[in-house]
Amino acid sequence: MMIHGVAATMAHSVSGRRDLSEVCQEFEALFIGELLKPLDDALAGDSHQGMLAPLARRTVATSLSGSLGIGELLYQQLAAQAGLRDDGPA
C-alpha cells in the first residue's frame, strides 16, 4: 500500500490532528525500539537482566521518541495527503 492509501485510510479512522500526531510519535518510538533491539542481547547475560531488557528498551525508546524527528516528518506527510490542516502536531 502506498503512503497515499495509508493517508486516506487514516483520514477516515483518525479523529483529527492530535490523534495523527500521537500515532506518528508512537511509530517513532517503535522504530527506535527496533534500533535498540541488539542491546537486549548485551543485557541478557544474567537471566534477571534479560527479562528486563525489553522493558528497558521500550522505556528508552519512548523517552527518545520525538528526538529524531521521524514522527514529525511522518505527520507532515500524512496530514498533507489526508487533507488535514498543516499547523503541525497538536
C-alpha atoms as a PDB file:
ATOM      1  CA  MET A   1       0.000   0.000   0.000  1.00  0.00           C
ATOM      2  CA  MET A   2       1.380   3.387  -0.919  1.00  0.00           C
ATOM      3  CA  ILE A   3       1.642   6.271   1.554  1.00  0.00           C
ATOM      4  CA  HIS A   4      -1.302   7.927  -0.201  1.00  0.00           C
ATOM      5  CA  GLY A   5      -3.504   4.921   0.587  1.00  0.00           C
ATOM      6  CA  VAL A   6      -2.343   4.942   4.200  1.00  0.00           C
ATOM      7  CA  ALA A   7      -3.118   8.663   4.484  1.00  0.00           C
ATOM      8  CA  ALA A   8      -6.597   8.169   3.057  1.00  0.00           C
ATOM      9  CA  THR A   9      -7.262   5.304   5.453  1.00  0.00           C
ATOM     10  CA  MET A  10      -6.045   7.331   8.425  1.00  0.00           C
ATOM     11  CA  ALA A  11      -8.183  10.311   7.401  1.00  0.00           C
ATOM     12  CA  HIS A  12     -11.249   8.115   7.899  1.00  0.00           C
ATOM     13  CA  SER A  13     -10.102   6.367  11.080  1.00  0.00           C
ATOM     14  CA  VAL A  14      -8.286   9.185  12.912  1.00  0.00           C
ATOM     15  CA  SER A  15     -10.430  11.844  14.527  1.00  0.00           C
ATOM     16  CA  GLY A  16      -8.007  14.713  13.988  1.00  0.00           C
ATOM     17  CA  ARG A  17      -4.539  16.168  14.096  1.00  0.00           C
ATOM     18  CA  ARG A  18      -3.886  15.233  17.726  1.00  0.00           C
ATOM     19  CA  ASP A  19      -4.624  11.544  17.128  1.00  0.00           C
ATOM     20  CA  LEU A  20      -2.481  11.503  13.986  1.00  0.00           C
ATOM     21  CA  SER A  21       0.348  13.199  15.862  1.00  0.00           C
ATOM     22  CA  GLU A  22       0.160  10.623  18.668  1.00  0.00           C
ATOM     23  CA  VAL A  23       0.209   7.749  16.175  1.00  0.00           C
ATOM     24  CA  CYS A  24       3.245   9.227  14.418  1.00  0.00           C
ATOM     25  CA  GLN A  25       5.100   9.634  17.732  1.00  0.00           C
ATOM     26  CA  GLU A  26       4.232   6.049  18.667  1.00  0.00           C
ATOM     27  CA  PHE A  27       5.610   4.908  15.321  1.00  0.00           C
ATOM     28  CA  GLU A  28       8.850   6.772  16.038  1.00  0.00           C
ATOM     29  CA  ALA A  29       9.079   5.089  19.459  1.00  0.00           C
ATOM     30  CA  LEU A  30       8.552   1.653  17.857  1.00  0.00           C
ATOM     31  CA  PHE A  31      11.199   2.429  15.240  1.00  0.00           C
ATOM     32  CA  ILE A  32      13.702   3.493  17.904  1.00  0.00           C
ATOM     33  CA  GLY A  33      12.848   0.350  19.874  1.00  0.00           C
ATOM     34  CA  GLU A  34      13.706  -1.784  16.862  1.00  0.00           C
ATOM     35  CA  LEU A  35      17.022   0.040  16.504  1.00  0.00           C
ATOM     36  CA  LEU A  36      17.786  -0.716  20.152  1.00  0.00           C
ATOM     37  CA  LYS A  37      16.875  -4.430  19.960  1.00  0.00           C
ATOM     38  CA  PRO A  38      20.506  -5.576  19.680  1.00  0.00           C
ATOM     39  CA  LEU A  39      21.029  -4.179  23.183  1.00  0.00           C
ATOM     40  CA  ASP A  40      18.727  -6.885  24.534  1.00  0.00           C
ATOM     41  CA  ASP A  41      21.413  -9.472  23.771  1.00  0.00           C
ATOM     42  CA  ALA A  42      24.040  -7.364  25.509  1.00  0.00           C
ATOM     43  CA  LEU A  43      21.884  -7.109  28.638  1.00  0.00           C
ATOM     44  CA  ALA A  44      20.850 -10.778  28.577  1.00  0.00           C
ATOM     45  CA  GLY A  45      23.992 -12.019  30.324  1.00  0.00           C
ATOM     46  CA  ASP A  46      22.069 -12.535  33.562  1.00  0.00           C
ATOM     47  CA  SER A  47      18.637 -14.128  33.337  1.00  0.00           C
ATOM     48  CA  HIS A  48      17.083 -11.429  35.550  1.00  0.00           C
ATOM     49  CA  GLN A  49      18.539  -8.637  33.448  1.00  0.00           C
ATOM     50  CA  GLY A  50      17.499 -10.476  30.297  1.00  0.00           C
ATOM     51  CA  MET A  51      13.876 -10.393  31.418  1.00  0.00           C
ATOM     52  CA  LEU A  52      14.049  -6.638  31.993  1.00  0.00           C
ATOM     53  CA  ALA A  53      15.842  -5.786  28.746  1.00  0.00           C
ATOM     54  CA  PRO A  54      12.695  -5.428  26.584  1.00  0.00           C
ATOM     55  CA  LEU A  55      11.072  -3.208  29.212  1.00  0.00           C
ATOM     56  CA  ALA A  56      14.180  -1.038  29.430  1.00  0.00           C
ATOM     57  CA  ARG A  57      14.323  -0.830  25.628  1.00  0.00           C
ATOM     58  CA  ARG A  58      10.684   0.298  25.401  1.00  0.00           C
ATOM     59  CA  THR A  59      11.222   2.876  28.144  1.00  0.00           C
ATOM     60  CA  VAL A  60      14.293   4.328  26.431  1.00  0.00           C
ATOM     61  CA  ALA A  61      12.574   4.277  23.029  1.00  0.00           C
ATOM     62  CA  THR A  62       9.553   6.128  24.401  1.00  0.00           C
ATOM     63  CA  SER A  63      11.823   8.684  26.078  1.00  0.00           C
ATOM     64  CA  LEU A  64      13.726   9.272  22.843  1.00  0.00           C
ATOM     65  CA  SER A  65      10.594   9.488  20.720  1.00  0.00           C
ATOM     66  CA  GLY A  66      10.425  12.904  19.101  1.00  0.00           C
ATOM     67  CA  SER A  67      14.169  13.465  19.258  1.00  0.00           C
ATOM     68  CA  LEU A  68      14.881  12.078  15.782  1.00  0.00           C
ATOM     69  CA  GLY A  69      12.064  13.967  14.074  1.00  0.00           C
ATOM     70  CA  ILE A  70      10.758  10.887  12.271  1.00  0.00           C
ATOM     71  CA  GLY A  71       7.309  11.256  13.829  1.00  0.00           C
ATOM     72  CA  GLU A  72       7.137  14.924  12.825  1.00  0.00           C
ATOM     73  CA  LEU A  73       8.120  14.190   9.222  1.00  0.00           C
ATOM     74  CA  LEU A  74       5.634  11.335   9.029  1.00  0.00           C
ATOM     75  CA  TYR A  75       2.919  13.565  10.489  1.00  0.00           C
ATOM     76  CA  GLN A  76       3.562  16.317   7.944  1.00  0.00           C
ATOM     77  CA  GLN A  77       3.431  13.860   5.047  1.00  0.00           C
ATOM     78  CA  LEU A  78       0.291  12.045   6.194  1.00  0.00           C
ATOM     79  CA  ALA A  79      -1.526  15.225   7.244  1.00  0.00           C
ATOM     80  CA  ALA A  80      -0.900  16.814   3.857  1.00  0.00           C
ATOM     81  CA  GLN A  81      -2.080  13.717   1.986  1.00  0.00           C
ATOM     82  CA  ALA A  82      -5.135  13.303   4.217  1.00  0.00           C
ATOM     83  CA  GLY A  83      -6.118  16.932   3.762  1.00  0.00           C
ATOM     84  CA  LEU A  84      -5.733  17.818   7.424  1.00  0.00           C
ATOM     85  CA  ARG A  85      -4.692  21.366   8.241  1.00  0.00           C
ATOM     86  CA  ASP A  86      -0.923  21.583   8.315  1.00  0.00           C
ATOM     87  CA  ASP A  87      -0.430  23.539  11.551  1.00  0.00           C
ATOM     88  CA  GLY A  88       1.996  20.985  12.926  1.00  0.00           C
ATOM     89  CA  PRO A  89       1.256  18.391  15.558  1.00  0.00           C
ATOM     90  CA  ALA A  90      -1.256  19.287  18.239  1.00  0.00           C
END
